[in-house]
Amino acid sequence: MARIAVIVGHPRAGSFCEALGEAYVRGARAGGHEVTLIKLSGLHFDPVLRHGFVRDQPLEPDLVPAQAAIGAAGHTVWIWPLWLGFPPALLKGFLERILTAGFAFEKIEAPPFYKPLLTGRTARVIVTMQMPAWMFRLLAGARAARTFSKQILEFIGIRPVRRTYLGMVDHVDDAKRRRWLAQIEAMGRDAR
């Protein structure tokens, strides 16, 4: 049994990203895994790190259980839409607020000047987009997802990070969406 946290980074409730998150959760629970679903659309917090990393900013009540669920998870699933080449700003703000020193990393005096604290964990990043997925990989180099994986998740010790890209989400038919939901549900059952 795995302990999993699923984070849906779409700021709008009822999005296809949310449906993907719920499908993963269904699969994970059917597979006997313990899973927590975190929908950023329903959280209330200031997404701005007001003092940078110079001093602490207390977590709002909605962020405390979210941070605890991510800290307790052996596997995290991050689901977000590609907007203007990056994840939505709300997801970036969420990450800046919860991935704090002492929780996600520890500052040290010698290079590389930090020690990751969330080691021994894995992740899956699922990105939805308007462009074809092949175009995101080939022409855009999947930069946003690679940066998310390398500069955020691997920075704090989470690896390996696997990625899934779903392209043309607003242009596919319901049958294709159902196949995607079934694919993501199967990932949940297998905790991958």
C-alpha atoms as a PDB file:
ATOM      1  CA  MET A   1       0.000   0.000   0.000  1.00  0.00           C
ATOM      2  CA  ALA A   2       1.279   3.435  -0.941  1.00  0.00           C
ATOM      3  CA  ARG A   3       0.480   6.754   0.661  1.00  0.00           C
ATOM      4  CA  ILE A   4      -0.313   9.241  -2.114  1.00  0.00           C
ATOM      5  CA  ALA A   5      -1.093  12.956  -2.365  1.00  0.00           C
ATOM      6  CA  VAL A   6      -2.812  14.165  -5.546  1.00  0.00           C
ATOM      7  CA  ILE A   7      -2.534  17.910  -6.157  1.00  0.00           C
ATOM      8  CA  VAL A   8      -4.812  19.491  -8.758  1.00  0.00           C
ATOM      9  CA  GLY A   9      -3.273  22.819  -9.758  1.00  0.00           C
ATOM     10  CA  HIS A  10      -6.148  24.170 -11.855  1.00  0.00           C
ATOM     11  CA  PRO A  11      -7.634  27.286 -10.226  1.00  0.00           C
ATOM     12  CA  ARG A  12     -11.168  26.562 -11.513  1.00  0.00           C
ATOM     13  CA  ALA A  13     -13.392  24.007  -9.804  1.00  0.00           C
ATOM     14  CA  GLY A  14     -14.961  21.459 -12.137  1.00  0.00           C
ATOM     15  CA  SER A  15     -12.088  21.484 -14.647  1.00  0.00           C
ATOM     16  CA  PHE A  16     -10.912  18.465 -16.631  1.00  0.00           C
ATOM     17  CA  CYS A  17      -7.755  18.529 -14.477  1.00  0.00           C
ATOM     18  CA  GLU A  18     -10.019  18.033 -11.463  1.00  0.00           C
ATOM     19  CA  ALA A  19     -11.737  15.096 -13.199  1.00  0.00           C
ATOM     20  CA  LEU A  20      -8.299  13.571 -13.842  1.00  0.00           C
ATOM     21  CA  GLY A  21      -7.405  13.993 -10.157  1.00  0.00           C
ATOM     22  CA  GLU A  22     -10.631  12.339  -9.074  1.00  0.00           C
ATOM     23  CA  ALA A  23     -10.010   9.462 -11.516  1.00  0.00           C
ATOM     24  CA  TYR A  24      -6.532   8.920 -10.059  1.00  0.00           C
ATOM     25  CA  VAL A  25      -7.985   8.923  -6.541  1.00  0.00           C
ATOM     26  CA  ARG A  26     -10.673   6.362  -7.515  1.00  0.00           C
ATOM     27  CA  GLY A  27      -8.028   4.092  -8.947  1.00  0.00           C
ATOM     28  CA  ALA A  28      -5.698   4.497  -5.990  1.00  0.00           C
ATOM     29  CA  ARG A  29      -8.430   3.684  -3.500  1.00  0.00           C
ATOM     30  CA  ALA A  30      -9.496   0.667  -5.578  1.00  0.00           C
ATOM     31  CA  GLY A  31      -5.858  -0.456  -5.470  1.00  0.00           C
ATOM     32  CA  GLY A  32      -5.849  -0.282  -1.667  1.00  0.00           C
ATOM     33  CA  HIS A  33      -3.719   2.856  -1.423  1.00  0.00           C
ATOM     34  CA  GLU A  34      -4.198   5.694   1.040  1.00  0.00           C
ATOM     35  CA  VAL A  35      -4.753   8.893  -0.926  1.00  0.00           C
ATOM     36  CA  THR A  36      -5.407  12.561  -0.215  1.00  0.00           C
ATOM     37  CA  LEU A  37      -6.822  14.863  -2.905  1.00  0.00           C
ATOM     38  CA  ILE A  38      -5.791  18.519  -2.738  1.00  0.00           C
ATOM     39  CA  LYS A  39      -7.711  20.847  -5.070  1.00  0.00           C
ATOM     40  CA  LEU A  40      -6.112  24.281  -5.186  1.00  0.00           C
ATOM     41  CA  SER A  41      -9.397  25.724  -6.489  1.00  0.00           C
ATOM     42  CA  GLY A  42     -10.924  25.182  -3.035  1.00  0.00           C
ATOM     43  CA  LEU A  43      -8.051  26.433  -0.870  1.00  0.00           C
ATOM     44  CA  HIS A  44      -7.869  29.902   0.637  1.00  0.00           C
ATOM     45  CA  PHE A  45      -4.346  31.260   1.025  1.00  0.00           C
ATOM     46  CA  ASP A  46      -2.102  34.104  -0.045  1.00  0.00           C
ATOM     47  CA  PRO A  47      -0.106  32.712  -3.004  1.00  0.00           C
ATOM     48  CA  VAL A  48       2.532  35.427  -2.676  1.00  0.00           C
ATOM     49  CA  LEU A  49       5.661  34.656  -0.672  1.00  0.00           C
ATOM     50  CA  ARG A  50       5.729  38.158   0.861  1.00  0.00           C
ATOM     51  CA  HIS A  51       9.267  38.072   2.284  1.00  0.00           C
ATOM     52  CA  GLY A  52      10.896  35.749  -0.225  1.00  0.00           C
ATOM     53  CA  PHE A  53      12.938  33.155   1.620  1.00  0.00           C
ATOM     54  CA  VAL A  54      14.339  35.740   4.052  1.00  0.00           C
ATOM     55  CA  ARG A  55      11.828  35.060   6.825  1.00  0.00           C
ATOM     56  CA  ASP A  56       8.973  32.692   7.522  1.00  0.00           C
ATOM     57  CA  GLN A  57       5.410  33.405   6.469  1.00  0.00           C
ATOM     58  CA  PRO A  58       2.925  31.477   8.621  1.00  0.00           C
ATOM     59  CA  LEU A  59       0.822  28.965   6.728  1.00  0.00           C
ATOM     60  CA  GLU A  60      -2.895  29.630   6.481  1.00  0.00           C
ATOM     61  CA  PRO A  61      -5.205  26.917   7.871  1.00  0.00           C
ATOM     62  CA  ASP A  62      -5.858  25.466   4.383  1.00  0.00           C
ATOM     63  CA  LEU A  63      -2.126  25.025   3.736  1.00  0.00           C
ATOM     64  CA  VAL A  64      -1.305  23.154   6.948  1.00  0.00           C
ATOM     65  CA  PRO A  65      -3.073  19.864   6.057  1.00  0.00           C
ATOM     66  CA  ALA A  66      -1.939  20.164   2.422  1.00  0.00           C
ATOM     67  CA  GLN A  67       1.699  20.429   3.490  1.00  0.00           C
ATOM     68  CA  ALA A  68       1.250  17.546   5.940  1.00  0.00           C
ATOM     69  CA  ALA A  69      -0.299  15.325   3.248  1.00  0.00           C
ATOM     70  CA  ILE A  70       2.574  16.023   0.863  1.00  0.00           C
ATOM     71  CA  GLY A  71       5.087  15.407   3.650  1.00  0.00           C
ATOM     72  CA  ALA A  72       3.484  12.069   4.527  1.00  0.00           C
ATOM     73  CA  ALA A  73       3.161  10.864   0.921  1.00  0.00           C
ATOM     74  CA  GLY A  74       5.592   8.448  -0.640  1.00  0.00           C
ATOM     75  CA  HIS A  75       4.190   9.377  -4.064  1.00  0.00           C
ATOM     76  CA  THR A  76       2.756  12.698  -5.249  1.00  0.00           C
ATOM     77  CA  VAL A  77       0.735  13.375  -8.385  1.00  0.00           C
ATOM     78  CA  TRP A  78       0.702  16.922  -9.766  1.00  0.00           C
ATOM     79  CA  ILE A  79      -2.012  17.733 -12.316  1.00  0.00           C
ATOM     80  CA  TRP A  80      -2.093  21.114 -14.032  1.00  0.00           C
ATOM     81  CA  PRO A  81      -2.912  22.850 -17.312  1.00  0.00           C
ATOM     82  CA  LEU A  82      -0.247  24.474 -19.448  1.00  0.00           C
ATOM     83  CA  TRP A  83      -1.035  28.195 -19.514  1.00  0.00           C
ATOM     84  CA  LEU A  84       1.197  30.608 -21.418  1.00  0.00           C
ATOM     85  CA  GLY A  85       3.926  27.988 -21.363  1.00  0.00           C
ATOM     86  CA  PHE A  86       3.855  27.383 -17.591  1.00  0.00           C
ATOM     87  CA  PRO A  87       1.656  26.028 -14.782  1.00  0.00           C
ATOM     88  CA  PRO A  88      -1.004  28.442 -13.473  1.00  0.00           C
ATOM     89  CA  ALA A  89       0.305  31.111 -11.096  1.00  0.00           C
ATOM     90  CA  LEU A  90      -1.804  29.674  -8.261  1.00  0.00           C
ATOM     91  CA  LEU A  91       0.188  26.421  -8.383  1.00  0.00           C
ATOM     92  CA  LYS A  92       3.499  28.292  -8.323  1.00  0.00           C
ATOM     93  CA  GLY A  93       2.268  30.322  -5.340  1.00  0.00           C
ATOM     94  CA  PHE A  94       1.156  27.137  -3.574  1.00  0.00           C
ATOM     95  CA  LEU A  95       4.591  25.604  -4.068  1.00  0.00           C
ATOM     96  CA  GLU A  96       6.386  28.712  -2.801  1.00  0.00           C
ATOM     97  CA  ARG A  97       4.219  28.750   0.305  1.00  0.00           C
ATOM     98  CA  ILE A  98       4.423  25.055   1.278  1.00  0.00           C
ATOM     99  CA  LEU A  99       7.884  23.970   0.103  1.00  0.00           C
ATOM    100  CA  THR A 100       9.577  25.814   2.927  1.00  0.00           C
ATOM    101  CA  ALA A 101      12.996  25.539   4.531  1.00  0.00           C
ATOM    102  CA  GLY A 102      12.846  22.930   7.261  1.00  0.00           C
ATOM    103  CA  PHE A 103      10.088  21.051   5.435  1.00  0.00           C
ATOM    104  CA  ALA A 104      11.245  20.557   1.840  1.00  0.00           C
ATOM    105  CA  PHE A 105      14.909  21.507   2.099  1.00  0.00           C
ATOM    106  CA  GLU A 106      17.515  22.591   4.614  1.00  0.00           C
ATOM    107  CA  LYS A 107      19.976  25.404   4.033  1.00  0.00           C
ATOM    108  CA  ILE A 108      23.626  24.403   4.506  1.00  0.00           C
ATOM    109  CA  GLU A 109      26.887  26.359   4.405  1.00  0.00           C
ATOM    110  CA  ALA A 110      28.723  24.462   1.645  1.00  0.00           C
ATOM    111  CA  PRO A 111      27.792  23.897  -2.010  1.00  0.00           C
ATOM    112  CA  PRO A 112      25.160  23.221  -3.200  1.00  0.00           C
ATOM    113  CA  PHE A 113      23.939  25.279  -0.173  1.00  0.00           C
ATOM    114  CA  TYR A 114      20.850  23.165   0.425  1.00  0.00           C
ATOM    115  CA  LYS A 115      19.966  19.620   1.419  1.00  0.00           C
ATOM    116  CA  PRO A 116      16.748  18.084   0.048  1.00  0.00           C
ATOM    117  CA  LEU A 117      14.444  16.786   2.779  1.00  0.00           C
ATOM    118  CA  LEU A 118      11.788  14.920   0.769  1.00  0.00           C
ATOM    119  CA  THR A 119      14.035  12.140  -0.492  1.00  0.00           C
ATOM    120  CA  GLY A 120      12.912   8.564  -1.065  1.00  0.00           C
ATOM    121  CA  ARG A 121       9.680   9.633  -2.777  1.00  0.00           C
ATOM    122  CA  THR A 122       8.387   9.507  -6.328  1.00  0.00           C
ATOM    123  CA  ALA A 123       6.080  11.693  -8.400  1.00  0.00           C
ATOM    124  CA  ARG A 124       3.970  11.836 -11.521  1.00  0.00           C
ATOM    125  CA  VAL A 125       3.309  15.135 -13.329  1.00  0.00           C
ATOM    126  CA  ILE A 126       0.227  15.219 -15.585  1.00  0.00           C
ATOM    127  CA  VAL A 127      -0.027  18.235 -17.880  1.00  0.00           C
ATOM    128  CA  THR A 128      -3.046  19.132 -20.011  1.00  0.00           C
ATOM    129  CA  MET A 129      -2.694  21.542 -22.917  1.00  0.00           C
ATOM    130  CA  GLN A 130      -4.307  23.001 -26.018  1.00  0.00           C
ATOM    131  CA  MET A 131      -1.460  22.045 -28.364  1.00  0.00           C
ATOM    132  CA  PRO A 132      -0.803  18.479 -29.458  1.00  0.00           C
ATOM    133  CA  ALA A 133       1.321  16.619 -26.906  1.00  0.00           C
ATOM    134  CA  TRP A 134       3.894  15.720 -29.582  1.00  0.00           C
ATOM    135  CA  MET A 135       4.345  19.428 -30.326  1.00  0.00           C
ATOM    136  CA  PHE A 136       4.885  20.168 -26.627  1.00  0.00           C
ATOM    137  CA  ARG A 137       7.573  17.473 -26.486  1.00  0.00           C
ATOM    138  CA  LEU A 138       9.252  18.125 -29.820  1.00  0.00           C
ATOM    139  CA  LEU A 139       8.963  21.852 -30.493  1.00  0.00           C
ATOM    140  CA  ALA A 140       8.596  23.229 -26.974  1.00  0.00           C
ATOM    141  CA  GLY A 141      10.976  20.646 -25.472  1.00  0.00           C
ATOM    142  CA  ALA A 142       8.408  20.004 -22.707  1.00  0.00           C
ATOM    143  CA  ARG A 143      10.264  22.785 -20.861  1.00  0.00           C
ATOM    144  CA  ALA A 144       7.551  23.641 -18.346  1.00  0.00           C
ATOM    145  CA  ALA A 145       7.136  20.026 -17.222  1.00  0.00           C
ATOM    146  CA  ARG A 146      10.886  19.359 -17.218  1.00  0.00           C
ATOM    147  CA  THR A 147      11.502  22.516 -15.185  1.00  0.00           C
ATOM    148  CA  PHE A 148       8.713  21.555 -12.764  1.00  0.00           C
ATOM    149  CA  SER A 149      10.268  18.109 -12.380  1.00  0.00           C
ATOM    150  CA  LYS A 150      13.929  19.108 -12.151  1.00  0.00           C
ATOM    151  CA  GLN A 151      13.923  22.548 -10.510  1.00  0.00           C
ATOM    152  CA  ILE A 152      11.115  21.950  -8.029  1.00  0.00           C
ATOM    153  CA  LEU A 153      10.462  18.279  -7.295  1.00  0.00           C
ATOM    154  CA  GLU A 154      13.976  16.898  -7.757  1.00  0.00           C
ATOM    155  CA  PHE A 155      15.413  19.951  -5.970  1.00  0.00           C
ATOM    156  CA  ILE A 156      13.600  18.832  -2.806  1.00  0.00           C
ATOM    157  CA  GLY A 157      14.598  15.184  -3.285  1.00  0.00           C
ATOM    158  CA  ILE A 158      11.612  13.673  -5.100  1.00  0.00           C
ATOM    159  CA  ARG A 159      12.773  11.303  -7.841  1.00  0.00           C
ATOM    160  CA  PRO A 160      12.092   9.708 -10.170  1.00  0.00           C
ATOM    161  CA  VAL A 161       9.476  12.042 -11.612  1.00  0.00           C
ATOM    162  CA  ARG A 162       7.439  10.600 -14.479  1.00  0.00           C
ATOM    163  CA  ARG A 163       5.433  12.815 -16.825  1.00  0.00           C
ATOM    164  CA  THR A 164       2.210  12.384 -18.793  1.00  0.00           C
ATOM    165  CA  TYR A 165       1.060  14.909 -21.416  1.00  0.00           C
ATOM    166  CA  LEU A 166      -2.525  15.189 -22.647  1.00  0.00           C
ATOM    167  CA  GLY A 167      -2.813  17.437 -25.690  1.00  0.00           C
ATOM    168  CA  MET A 168      -5.692  19.150 -27.493  1.00  0.00           C
ATOM    169  CA  VAL A 169      -7.914  18.732 -24.408  1.00  0.00           C
ATOM    170  CA  ASP A 170     -10.557  21.208 -25.579  1.00  0.00           C
ATOM    171  CA  HIS A 171     -10.746  19.643 -29.041  1.00  0.00           C
ATOM    172  CA  VAL A 172     -11.091  15.921 -28.338  1.00  0.00           C
ATOM    173  CA  ASP A 173     -14.400  14.080 -28.112  1.00  0.00           C
ATOM    174  CA  ASP A 174     -15.936  12.590 -24.983  1.00  0.00           C
ATOM    175  CA  ALA A 175     -14.726   9.105 -25.923  1.00  0.00           C
ATOM    176  CA  LYS A 176     -11.097  10.306 -25.880  1.00  0.00           C
ATOM    177  CA  ARG A 177     -11.628  12.012 -22.534  1.00  0.00           C
ATOM    178  CA  ARG A 178     -13.102   8.806 -21.106  1.00  0.00           C
ATOM    179  CA  ARG A 179     -10.048   6.866 -22.330  1.00  0.00           C
ATOM    180  CA  TRP A 180      -7.749   9.393 -20.649  1.00  0.00           C
ATOM    181  CA  LEU A 181      -9.732   9.160 -17.414  1.00  0.00           C
ATOM    182  CA  ALA A 182      -9.490   5.354 -17.530  1.00  0.00           C
ATOM    183  CA  GLN A 183      -5.725   5.593 -18.189  1.00  0.00           C
ATOM    184  CA  ILE A 184      -5.236   7.904 -15.193  1.00  0.00           C
ATOM    185  CA  GLU A 185      -7.462   5.706 -13.009  1.00  0.00           C
ATOM    186  CA  ALA A 186      -5.252   2.720 -13.916  1.00  0.00           C
ATOM    187  CA  MET A 187      -2.177   4.731 -12.912  1.00  0.00           C
ATOM    188  CA  GLY A 188      -3.833   5.321  -9.550  1.00  0.00           C
ATOM    189  CA  ARG A 189      -4.515   1.617  -9.013  1.00  0.00           C
ATOM    190  CA  ASP A 190      -0.840   0.908  -9.617  1.00  0.00           C
ATOM    191  CA  ALA A 191       0.340   3.987  -7.674  1.00  0.00           C
ATOM    192  CA  ARG A 192       2.447   5.153 -10.601  1.00  0.00           C
END
